[in-house]
N, C-alpha and C. Protein backbone atom coordinates (compact mmCIF):
# COMPACT_ATOMS: atom_id res chain seq x y z
N MET A 1 20.59 -7.09 16.88
CA MET A 1 19.96 -7.12 15.57
C MET A 1 21.03 -7.37 14.51
N HIS A 2 20.69 -8.13 13.50
CA HIS A 2 21.61 -8.44 12.42
C HIS A 2 21.76 -7.25 11.48
N GLU A 3 22.94 -7.11 10.92
CA GLU A 3 23.18 -6.07 9.93
C GLU A 3 22.65 -6.52 8.58
N TYR A 4 22.14 -5.60 7.82
CA TYR A 4 21.65 -5.91 6.47
C TYR A 4 22.08 -4.78 5.55
N SER A 5 22.21 -5.11 4.28
CA SER A 5 22.65 -4.11 3.31
C SER A 5 21.50 -3.61 2.44
N THR A 6 20.47 -4.44 2.28
CA THR A 6 19.36 -4.10 1.39
C THR A 6 18.05 -4.56 2.01
N VAL A 7 17.00 -3.76 1.80
CA VAL A 7 15.65 -4.13 2.22
C VAL A 7 14.87 -4.51 0.97
N ILE A 8 14.15 -5.63 1.04
CA ILE A 8 13.26 -6.02 -0.05
C ILE A 8 11.83 -5.88 0.45
N GLY A 9 11.06 -5.04 -0.21
CA GLY A 9 9.62 -4.99 0.01
C GLY A 9 8.99 -5.93 -0.99
N LEU A 10 8.21 -6.87 -0.52
CA LEU A 10 7.66 -7.89 -1.39
C LEU A 10 6.15 -7.96 -1.22
N ASP A 11 5.42 -7.74 -2.30
CA ASP A 11 3.97 -7.81 -2.31
C ASP A 11 3.61 -9.09 -3.07
N LEU A 12 3.33 -10.16 -2.33
CA LEU A 12 3.09 -11.46 -2.93
C LEU A 12 1.75 -11.52 -3.66
N GLY A 13 1.78 -12.03 -4.87
CA GLY A 13 0.57 -12.21 -5.66
C GLY A 13 0.40 -13.66 -6.05
N ASP A 14 -0.71 -13.97 -6.69
CA ASP A 14 -0.96 -15.35 -7.13
C ASP A 14 -0.03 -15.77 -8.26
N ARG A 15 0.16 -14.90 -9.23
CA ARG A 15 1.00 -15.23 -10.39
C ARG A 15 2.33 -14.50 -10.37
N TYR A 16 2.31 -13.24 -9.98
CA TYR A 16 3.52 -12.43 -9.92
C TYR A 16 3.59 -11.74 -8.56
N SER A 17 4.81 -11.51 -8.12
CA SER A 17 5.04 -10.74 -6.89
C SER A 17 5.81 -9.49 -7.25
N ALA A 18 5.32 -8.36 -6.79
CA ALA A 18 6.00 -7.09 -7.01
C ALA A 18 7.03 -6.90 -5.92
N PHE A 19 8.15 -6.27 -6.27
CA PHE A 19 9.18 -6.04 -5.28
C PHE A 19 9.81 -4.67 -5.44
N CYS A 20 10.41 -4.22 -4.37
CA CYS A 20 11.16 -2.97 -4.35
C CYS A 20 12.40 -3.21 -3.50
N LEU A 21 13.58 -2.97 -4.07
CA LEU A 21 14.83 -3.07 -3.33
C LEU A 21 15.25 -1.68 -2.90
N VAL A 22 15.53 -1.53 -1.62
CA VAL A 22 15.90 -0.24 -1.04
C VAL A 22 17.19 -0.41 -0.24
N SER A 23 18.12 0.52 -0.40
CA SER A 23 19.36 0.47 0.36
C SER A 23 19.09 0.86 1.81
N ARG A 24 20.06 0.58 2.68
CA ARG A 24 19.93 0.99 4.09
C ARG A 24 19.72 2.49 4.21
N GLU A 25 20.26 3.24 3.27
CA GLU A 25 20.15 4.70 3.31
C GLU A 25 18.82 5.20 2.78
N GLY A 26 18.00 4.31 2.22
CA GLY A 26 16.68 4.68 1.74
C GLY A 26 16.60 4.94 0.24
N THR A 27 17.66 4.67 -0.48
CA THR A 27 17.65 4.85 -1.93
C THR A 27 16.98 3.66 -2.60
N VAL A 28 16.02 3.93 -3.48
CA VAL A 28 15.37 2.85 -4.23
C VAL A 28 16.35 2.35 -5.28
N LEU A 29 16.70 1.07 -5.21
CA LEU A 29 17.67 0.46 -6.11
C LEU A 29 17.02 -0.20 -7.32
N GLU A 30 15.86 -0.81 -7.11
CA GLU A 30 15.18 -1.51 -8.20
C GLU A 30 13.73 -1.74 -7.83
N VAL A 31 12.87 -1.61 -8.80
CA VAL A 31 11.44 -1.90 -8.65
C VAL A 31 11.06 -2.82 -9.80
N GLY A 32 10.30 -3.86 -9.51
CA GLY A 32 9.92 -4.77 -10.58
C GLY A 32 8.95 -5.83 -10.11
N ARG A 33 8.85 -6.87 -10.90
CA ARG A 33 8.01 -8.00 -10.53
C ARG A 33 8.68 -9.28 -10.98
N VAL A 34 8.34 -10.35 -10.31
CA VAL A 34 8.94 -11.65 -10.54
C VAL A 34 7.82 -12.69 -10.44
N PRO A 35 7.89 -13.76 -11.24
CA PRO A 35 6.88 -14.80 -11.09
C PRO A 35 6.84 -15.30 -9.63
N ALA A 36 5.65 -15.56 -9.15
CA ALA A 36 5.46 -15.95 -7.75
C ALA A 36 5.65 -17.46 -7.57
N THR A 37 6.83 -17.93 -7.95
CA THR A 37 7.16 -19.34 -7.76
C THR A 37 8.42 -19.41 -6.91
N PRO A 38 8.59 -20.47 -6.16
CA PRO A 38 9.82 -20.59 -5.34
C PRO A 38 11.09 -20.51 -6.19
N ASP A 39 11.10 -21.13 -7.35
CA ASP A 39 12.30 -21.10 -8.20
C ASP A 39 12.62 -19.68 -8.67
N ALA A 40 11.62 -18.95 -9.12
CA ALA A 40 11.84 -17.58 -9.60
C ALA A 40 12.30 -16.66 -8.48
N LEU A 41 11.71 -16.79 -7.31
CA LEU A 41 12.12 -15.96 -6.17
C LEU A 41 13.55 -16.31 -5.75
N GLN A 42 13.90 -17.57 -5.78
CA GLN A 42 15.26 -17.99 -5.44
C GLN A 42 16.28 -17.44 -6.44
N ARG A 43 15.94 -17.50 -7.73
CA ARG A 43 16.85 -16.98 -8.76
C ARG A 43 17.07 -15.47 -8.58
N LYS A 44 15.99 -14.75 -8.27
CA LYS A 44 16.09 -13.29 -8.15
C LYS A 44 16.81 -12.86 -6.88
N PHE A 45 16.43 -13.44 -5.74
CA PHE A 45 16.91 -12.94 -4.46
C PHE A 45 17.92 -13.84 -3.77
N GLY A 46 18.05 -15.09 -4.23
CA GLY A 46 18.96 -16.03 -3.58
C GLY A 46 20.42 -15.59 -3.55
N PRO A 47 20.94 -15.02 -4.65
CA PRO A 47 22.35 -14.62 -4.65
C PRO A 47 22.67 -13.42 -3.74
N MET A 48 21.68 -12.69 -3.32
CA MET A 48 21.90 -11.49 -2.49
C MET A 48 22.19 -11.90 -1.05
N GLU A 49 23.05 -11.14 -0.42
CA GLU A 49 23.41 -11.41 0.97
C GLU A 49 22.90 -10.30 1.87
N ARG A 50 22.68 -10.67 3.12
CA ARG A 50 22.32 -9.72 4.18
C ARG A 50 21.12 -8.86 3.80
N LEU A 51 20.00 -9.51 3.62
CA LEU A 51 18.76 -8.84 3.23
C LEU A 51 17.79 -8.77 4.40
N LEU A 52 16.98 -7.75 4.40
CA LEU A 52 15.84 -7.64 5.30
C LEU A 52 14.60 -7.70 4.43
N LEU A 53 13.73 -8.67 4.67
CA LEU A 53 12.54 -8.87 3.85
C LEU A 53 11.32 -8.32 4.57
N LEU A 54 10.58 -7.45 3.90
CA LEU A 54 9.32 -6.93 4.42
C LEU A 54 8.20 -7.42 3.52
N ASN A 55 7.28 -8.17 4.09
CA ASN A 55 6.11 -8.61 3.35
C ASN A 55 5.08 -7.50 3.46
N SER A 56 4.75 -6.91 2.36
CA SER A 56 3.97 -5.68 2.35
C SER A 56 2.57 -5.89 1.79
N ARG A 57 1.64 -5.03 2.20
CA ARG A 57 0.30 -5.02 1.61
C ARG A 57 0.25 -4.11 0.40
N GLY A 58 1.32 -3.42 0.16
CA GLY A 58 1.43 -2.52 -0.98
C GLY A 58 2.82 -1.92 -0.98
N LEU A 59 3.44 -1.82 -2.14
CA LEU A 59 4.82 -1.37 -2.16
C LEU A 59 4.99 0.08 -1.81
N HIS A 60 3.91 0.86 -1.79
CA HIS A 60 4.03 2.25 -1.37
C HIS A 60 4.56 2.33 0.06
N GLU A 61 4.34 1.29 0.87
CA GLU A 61 4.83 1.28 2.24
C GLU A 61 6.35 1.24 2.28
N VAL A 62 6.96 0.59 1.31
CA VAL A 62 8.42 0.42 1.30
C VAL A 62 9.09 1.42 0.39
N CYS A 63 8.51 1.66 -0.78
CA CYS A 63 9.15 2.48 -1.80
C CYS A 63 8.80 3.97 -1.68
N GLY A 64 8.06 4.35 -0.72
CA GLY A 64 7.77 5.75 -0.52
C GLY A 64 7.03 6.42 -1.68
N GLY A 65 6.12 5.68 -2.30
CA GLY A 65 5.32 6.26 -3.37
C GLY A 65 5.93 6.11 -4.75
N VAL A 66 7.09 5.46 -4.86
CA VAL A 66 7.73 5.28 -6.17
C VAL A 66 6.93 4.30 -7.01
N TRP A 67 6.33 3.32 -6.37
CA TRP A 67 5.63 2.25 -7.09
C TRP A 67 4.43 2.77 -7.83
C-alpha cells in the first residue's frame, strides 16, 4: 500500500463539492467547499502530495461529525 500524508473526504455536488482534509493521525486540518469544476479542484488539491481520496456520501463519514 502507498504511503499518504493526508486524507481528503470529498462530497461531490453539482455546483460545489464539500471537502474535509484529515491527517493520518485523524486530526481535521480543514473543512470547506470548492466549485465542482476540474480547474477549481486542481487548484485546491493539485499542489498537495501523497493524498488518499475518499468519495463520500456525506462528510460525517470522514470528519467524524465535524461537518
